[in-house]
Amino acid sequence: MKLDAAIERYLASPALSESTRRAYRVDVEEFAAWLDQQEASLDSVDARLLSAYAAELGAARPGRTPRRLASATIARKLAAVRAFLRFTLGPARVPDARLAPRRPRRLPSAPKPDEIDAELEALGADAPLEIRNRALAELIYSAGLRSREAVDLDLADVDFEREAVRVLGKGGKERVVPLGEEAAYWLARWLQLRPRLATAAENALFISARGRRLDTSTVRRLLPHPHRLRHAFATHLLEGGADLRTIQELLGHSSLSTTQVYSHVDGR
């Protein structure tokens, strides 16, 4: 089968949008050039050849400063080649095995303690809703809560005497986390003001100006990146000498491997 003709036949497919056609042309023609270098025909493409091509894409590019293609770029190029081969040779000839390298997990940024302090102080400390916002943010940070966990808290979940907060996490898994001194202070201030906004039937710890339970969209509006506070909680505990198992329990992670992601950040 003539390679150039096969490529043109594939790219002429009405199933492809114009933008996809332009992007795939570059990727498929690069693959065709590589096949020529290997003195291999289109009909000879198998799992071994595809694996070799994936390895070639992952190798450092020559030059004064050797560089590697990003994982996302390699995955895109291989997706284009697979689509071309499925169209030309049939689905049975294209192996299903993953060839592209795994994309590295994006880590949330880890703000430094002074950055956290500035972010919290910017929420204000005078009006009732400012005090509510400060208490909410302080609790998310000091207890490492998810946004959903914070807004789902009820009044009875906070135990000032035991200095603890009962949290209902993912999958209905319950955990008890320490209530930090700063968070306790702001929560106490908020609870003094809360009756001004509360309705008789609402047991939520954090309520809106209309007396209703807050939702996560409100948290994101107040704290554009609330997960940064949770991540800072884990990072600062690690810097303080806490072990990963303890942090796993405090964060409510079911797997230690999830918690280990947080340890791969240089907090200096």
Protein backbone atom coordinates (compact mmCIF):
# COMPACT_ATOMS: atom_id res chain seq x y z
CA MET A 1 0.00 0.00 0.00
CA LYS A 2 1.38 3.39 -1.00
CA LEU A 3 1.96 5.40 2.17
CA ASP A 4 1.39 8.88 0.71
CA ALA A 5 -1.85 7.80 -0.94
CA ALA A 6 -3.05 6.18 2.30
CA ILE A 7 -2.39 9.39 4.23
CA GLU A 8 -4.29 11.53 1.73
CA ARG A 9 -7.19 9.09 1.72
CA TYR A 10 -7.35 9.21 5.52
CA LEU A 11 -7.12 13.00 5.74
CA ALA A 12 -9.91 13.34 3.18
CA SER A 13 -12.28 11.51 5.53
CA PRO A 14 -15.40 13.62 6.25
CA ALA A 15 -15.22 12.42 9.86
CA LEU A 16 -12.29 14.80 10.47
CA SER A 17 -12.75 18.47 11.18
CA GLU A 18 -10.52 20.94 9.37
CA SER A 19 -8.49 21.72 12.50
CA THR A 20 -8.03 18.00 13.25
CA ARG A 21 -7.02 17.40 9.65
CA ARG A 22 -4.28 20.06 9.86
CA ALA A 23 -2.93 18.78 13.17
CA TYR A 24 -3.03 15.12 12.17
CA ARG A 25 -1.29 15.75 8.85
CA VAL A 26 1.89 16.85 10.59
CA ASP A 27 1.82 13.92 13.03
CA VAL A 28 1.02 11.25 10.44
CA GLU A 29 3.60 12.55 7.95
CA GLU A 30 6.25 12.47 10.70
CA PHE A 31 5.33 8.83 11.32
CA ALA A 32 5.56 8.09 7.59
CA ALA A 33 9.04 9.65 7.44
CA TRP A 34 10.11 7.53 10.40
CA LEU A 35 8.82 4.38 8.68
CA ASP A 36 10.93 5.27 5.63
CA GLN A 37 14.01 5.61 7.84
CA GLN A 38 13.31 2.15 9.25
CA GLU A 39 12.83 0.81 5.72
CA ALA A 40 9.47 -0.50 6.90
CA SER A 41 6.23 -0.61 4.94
CA LEU A 42 2.80 0.37 6.18
CA ASP A 43 1.67 -3.24 6.00
CA SER A 44 4.47 -4.27 8.37
CA VAL A 45 3.35 -1.99 11.23
CA ASP A 46 2.72 -3.98 14.40
CA ALA A 47 2.96 -3.52 18.17
CA ARG A 48 6.76 -3.76 18.07
CA LEU A 49 7.08 -0.98 15.50
CA LEU A 50 4.61 1.24 17.32
CA SER A 51 6.48 0.77 20.59
CA ALA A 52 9.73 1.67 18.85
CA TYR A 53 8.13 4.82 17.44
CA ALA A 54 6.80 5.79 20.89
CA ALA A 55 10.33 5.37 22.27
CA GLU A 56 11.68 7.54 19.48
CA LEU A 57 9.19 10.29 20.35
CA GLY A 58 10.23 10.09 23.99
CA ALA A 59 13.95 10.37 23.26
CA ALA A 60 15.79 13.68 23.66
CA ARG A 61 15.91 15.83 20.54
CA PRO A 62 19.46 16.59 19.35
CA GLY A 63 20.80 20.13 19.38
CA ARG A 64 22.87 22.51 21.44
CA THR A 65 20.32 22.08 24.22
CA PRO A 66 18.77 18.58 24.00
CA ARG A 67 15.06 18.62 24.78
CA ARG A 68 12.24 16.11 25.10
CA LEU A 69 8.69 16.29 23.87
CA ALA A 70 6.08 16.85 26.56
CA SER A 71 4.04 13.77 27.52
CA ALA A 72 0.87 15.44 26.24
CA THR A 73 2.50 16.06 22.84
CA ILE A 74 3.65 12.44 22.56
CA ALA A 75 0.15 11.23 23.46
CA ARG A 76 -1.38 13.47 20.80
CA LYS A 77 1.03 12.28 18.10
CA LEU A 78 0.41 8.63 18.94
CA ALA A 79 -3.36 9.21 18.94
CA ALA A 80 -3.09 10.63 15.41
CA VAL A 81 -1.02 7.66 14.24
CA ARG A 82 -3.40 5.15 15.83
CA ALA A 83 -6.40 6.80 14.18
CA PHE A 84 -4.65 6.71 10.81
CA LEU A 85 -3.71 3.04 11.21
CA ARG A 86 -7.20 2.03 12.34
CA PHE A 87 -8.66 3.76 9.29
CA THR A 88 -6.13 2.30 6.87
CA LEU A 89 -5.39 -1.18 8.24
CA GLY A 90 -8.47 -1.87 10.34
CA PRO A 91 -8.94 -1.83 14.15
CA ALA A 92 -7.65 -5.39 14.59
CA ARG A 93 -4.17 -4.35 13.41
CA VAL A 94 -3.75 -1.58 16.00
CA PRO A 95 -2.70 -2.72 19.49
CA ASP A 96 -4.69 -1.37 22.43
CA ALA A 97 -1.71 -1.27 24.81
CA ARG A 98 -0.78 2.14 26.22
CA LEU A 99 2.31 3.45 24.42
CA ALA A 100 2.52 7.06 25.55
CA PRO A 101 4.19 7.89 28.87
CA ARG A 102 1.89 8.77 31.72
CA ARG A 103 1.27 12.47 32.06
CA PRO A 104 2.86 13.80 35.23
CA ARG A 105 0.28 14.74 37.80
CA ARG A 106 0.02 18.47 38.20
CA LEU A 107 0.77 19.44 41.77
CA PRO A 108 -1.09 22.31 43.37
CA SER A 109 1.21 25.16 44.33
CA ALA A 110 2.29 25.21 47.96
CA PRO A 111 2.02 28.74 49.35
CA LYS A 112 4.41 29.72 52.12
CA PRO A 113 3.09 30.50 55.62
CA ASP A 114 3.45 34.26 55.14
CA GLU A 115 1.47 34.02 51.89
CA ILE A 116 -1.26 32.13 53.72
CA ASP A 117 -1.33 34.80 56.44
CA ALA A 118 -1.70 37.56 53.86
CA GLU A 119 -4.46 35.67 52.05
CA LEU A 120 -6.38 35.14 55.29
CA GLU A 121 -5.98 38.71 56.51
CA ALA A 122 -7.27 40.00 53.18
CA LEU A 123 -10.65 38.44 53.98
CA GLY A 124 -11.33 41.11 56.60
CA ALA A 125 -12.16 40.90 60.29
CA ASP A 126 -15.00 43.31 61.07
CA ALA A 127 -18.37 42.63 59.40
CA PRO A 128 -20.22 39.38 60.23
CA LEU A 129 -19.67 37.90 56.78
CA GLU A 130 -15.98 38.85 56.88
CA ILE A 131 -15.63 37.01 60.18
CA ARG A 132 -17.51 34.03 58.69
CA ASN A 133 -15.17 34.01 55.68
CA ARG A 134 -12.11 34.19 57.92
CA ALA A 135 -13.38 31.35 60.11
CA LEU A 136 -14.12 29.24 57.03
CA ALA A 137 -10.68 29.81 55.52
CA GLU A 138 -8.88 29.28 58.83
CA LEU A 139 -10.68 25.98 59.31
CA ILE A 140 -9.97 24.74 55.78
CA TYR A 141 -6.29 25.52 56.31
CA SER A 142 -5.85 24.31 59.88
CA ALA A 143 -7.80 21.07 59.35
CA GLY A 144 -6.91 20.38 55.71
CA LEU A 145 -10.54 20.25 54.60
CA ARG A 146 -11.96 19.94 51.13
CA SER A 147 -14.43 22.67 50.16
CA ARG A 148 -17.32 20.22 50.22
CA GLU A 149 -16.33 18.94 53.65
CA ALA A 150 -16.24 22.50 55.02
CA VAL A 151 -19.68 23.54 53.78
CA ASP A 152 -21.21 20.23 54.90
CA LEU A 153 -20.20 20.79 58.54
CA ASP A 154 -23.01 21.16 61.07
CA LEU A 155 -22.86 23.00 64.36
CA ALA A 156 -22.58 19.75 66.29
CA ASP A 157 -19.48 18.73 64.33
CA VAL A 158 -17.27 21.24 66.15
CA ASP A 159 -16.18 20.26 69.65
CA PHE A 160 -14.38 23.18 71.31
CA GLU A 161 -13.84 21.23 74.49
CA ARG A 162 -11.99 18.40 72.75
CA GLU A 163 -10.51 20.83 70.20
CA ALA A 164 -11.69 18.61 67.36
CA VAL A 165 -13.87 18.67 64.26
CA ARG A 166 -15.84 15.69 62.97
CA VAL A 167 -15.65 15.59 59.15
CA LEU A 168 -17.64 13.53 56.68
CA GLY A 169 -15.34 12.91 53.72
CA LYS A 170 -15.56 11.20 50.36
CA GLY A 171 -17.54 7.98 50.27
CA GLY A 172 -19.19 8.81 53.60
CA LYS A 173 -15.92 8.15 55.42
CA GLU A 174 -15.83 9.95 58.77
CA ARG A 175 -12.72 11.30 60.44
CA VAL A 176 -11.89 13.55 63.39
CA VAL A 177 -9.31 16.29 62.87
CA PRO A 178 -7.74 18.71 65.36
CA LEU A 179 -9.21 22.19 65.69
CA GLY A 180 -6.32 24.63 65.52
CA GLU A 181 -6.09 27.53 67.95
CA GLU A 182 -6.47 30.23 65.29
CA ALA A 183 -9.39 28.45 63.64
CA ALA A 184 -11.06 28.00 67.05
CA TYR A 185 -10.73 31.73 67.76
CA TRP A 186 -12.38 32.77 64.49
CA LEU A 187 -15.05 30.09 64.75
CA ALA A 188 -15.96 31.32 68.21
CA ARG A 189 -16.29 34.86 66.87
CA TRP A 190 -18.41 33.65 63.99
CA LEU A 191 -20.72 31.63 66.24
CA GLN A 192 -21.39 34.74 68.32
CA LEU A 193 -22.63 36.51 65.18
CA ARG A 194 -24.29 33.58 63.42
CA PRO A 195 -27.68 33.91 65.21
CA ARG A 196 -28.21 37.22 63.40
CA LEU A 197 -28.42 35.36 60.09
CA ALA A 198 -29.64 31.91 61.10
CA THR A 199 -33.09 30.47 60.58
CA ALA A 200 -34.51 28.05 63.12
CA ALA A 201 -34.25 25.00 60.84
CA GLU A 202 -30.66 25.47 59.59
CA ASN A 203 -27.96 23.53 61.43
CA ALA A 204 -25.13 24.35 59.03
CA LEU A 205 -21.98 25.72 60.62
CA PHE A 206 -21.46 28.19 57.78
CA ILE A 207 -24.50 30.01 56.42
CA SER A 208 -25.15 32.74 53.89
CA ALA A 209 -26.54 36.22 54.48
CA ARG A 210 -29.99 34.66 53.90
CA GLY A 211 -29.44 32.02 56.54
CA ARG A 212 -28.86 29.12 54.15
CA ARG A 213 -26.02 26.61 54.08
CA LEU A 214 -23.09 27.77 51.98
CA ASP A 215 -22.25 25.86 48.81
CA THR A 216 -18.87 25.16 47.25
CA SER A 217 -19.34 27.83 44.58
CA THR A 218 -19.43 30.43 47.35
CA VAL A 219 -16.21 29.02 48.78
CA ARG A 220 -14.53 29.28 45.38
CA ARG A 221 -15.70 32.86 45.04
CA LEU A 222 -14.24 33.77 48.43
CA LEU A 223 -11.12 31.64 47.99
CA PRO A 224 -10.38 31.26 44.26
CA HIS A 225 -8.14 28.24 44.94
CA PRO A 226 -9.34 26.68 48.21
CA HIS A 227 -7.42 23.46 47.54
CA ARG A 228 -4.18 25.45 47.92
CA LEU A 229 -5.03 25.82 51.61
CA ARG A 230 -5.52 22.07 51.97
CA HIS A 231 -2.26 21.48 50.13
CA ALA A 232 -0.48 24.04 52.32
CA PHE A 233 -1.79 22.20 55.38
CA ALA A 234 -0.19 18.95 54.19
CA THR A 235 3.04 20.59 53.05
CA HIS A 236 3.56 22.54 56.26
CA LEU A 237 2.90 19.43 58.34
CA LEU A 238 5.58 17.57 56.34
CA GLU A 239 8.02 20.42 56.85
CA GLY A 240 7.25 20.24 60.55
CA GLY A 241 8.21 16.57 60.70
CA ALA A 242 4.83 14.82 60.47
CA ASP A 243 4.85 11.40 58.82
CA LEU A 244 2.84 10.57 55.71
CA ARG A 245 0.56 8.09 57.49
CA THR A 246 -0.60 10.76 59.92
CA ILE A 247 -1.17 13.24 57.11
CA GLN A 248 -3.07 10.58 55.16
CA GLU A 249 -5.49 10.15 58.07
CA LEU A 250 -5.92 13.90 58.56
CA LEU A 251 -6.60 14.48 54.85
CA GLY A 252 -8.97 11.53 54.62
CA HIS A 253 -7.08 9.84 51.78
CA SER A 254 -7.97 6.19 51.27
CA SER A 255 -4.58 5.49 49.68
CA LEU A 256 -1.13 6.50 50.88
CA SER A 257 -0.04 6.97 47.27
CA THR A 258 -2.44 9.92 47.02
CA THR A 259 -0.86 11.54 50.06
CA GLN A 260 2.65 11.01 48.65
CA VAL A 261 1.84 13.48 45.87
CA TYR A 262 1.84 16.22 48.49
CA SER A 263 5.34 15.29 49.64
CA HIS A 264 6.90 16.03 46.25
CA VAL A 265 6.89 19.76 46.76
CA ASP A 266 9.80 21.83 47.89
CA GLY A 267 8.31 24.19 50.42
CA ARG A 268 11.40 26.37 50.81
